[in-house]
Structures are given as C-alpha cells and as structure tokens.
C-alpha cells in the first residue's frame, strides 16, 4: 500500500473515534449543580440587588381575568378610556368582526357560510362577567380558537371594553343618549 493511501485510510478510521464517549465523556466534564458551592459562589446565580420578577409586577387578575377565588371578574381591571375603546375597536375589527360582524350581532359573510355552527351574537352575553369574555378570547370557546397569541393582555381587555360598548350602543334607549346628541338622532329618524 502506498504511504499516501495508508495515511488517508488511518485518518478515515480515526474520524469516528473523535466523538467517542470513551475518550472524553461528558459526565466527567467540570460543571456545577444548582446551589452547589463552587469557585464563583453557588451554581445558580442570585439576581442583582433591586430586581423584581416580571410576573410580580402584573396583577394576576389582569393576566387571567379571574378573581382570587377563581370566578371570572365581574368588571375588567382596566379603566375604559377613549383610547382603550379605540384600540379595542381596531382589534375587534381585525380579529372578531369577520365572524361576529361589525356590530357584534353574529351577522357577517363568514357567519353566513359556516356550515357547523354560526358565531353567536355578542349581545346575548350582556349578563356574563367581563372576565368570562376575556377567558373566551384567551382560551377560545367551541369553534372559536384562542387569540392569546394574536392579542396581548391589554389588547384583550381593550376588546372586552369595546364589546361592552357595542352591547350598550345596540340596546341604548333615547333616555341614555346625551342631550346634545339626541337632536342628531331624532333629526336623522325623520
């Protein structure tokens, strides 16, 4: 056998041995277990002074929509403002209106073409707690999927606030309309 061929054959035979566990087993490599004393203190580093865990800053009810006793929150923990309602309307129009309709009444082109079960009118859910609506958006319900990945926590509460505004607007009596807006409505009815 020629010397060059012999070298190539030996190199090819040595390649599988490079990853062989008997030569350098991982279990003999230096490592440090959690809280085990070592050269730089314990194995698990302590957080720097003054840091606060992320989840401790957020009220659990805000994340879950549930009271401490596990029941849905009757009223949302976010104060409804014009900005919140505008944000809720924008997200509702993108994610909810396709099935539930722009008025939340369950009348949409998608709903008309659904063969299994049409989406319900959101106006039928006036008596449920805000936390329940939040849970439905977060976890899904029936054929409706979860929108937790598409909508952040604040956006879900914004949609809940907008759904409540839709429900109020579609069932409001003339007595509930501010006096300066009544003239427009009564004049438009003629």
Foldseek 3Di string as FASTA:
>chain_A
DDPVVVVVVVVVVCVVVVPDCVVPPPVPDDAFDAQGQDPVGGRDDDDDPPDDDPVVVDDVCLVQCADPVGHGAQEHPDDDDPVLLVLLLVVCVVPPCQQCNSLQQRDHPVQVPDDPHGDHRLLVVLRGGLSVQLNCQQDNDDPGHHCPVVAPSSNSSSNSVNSNVSNCVVPPDLVPDPPVCSVVVVVVVD
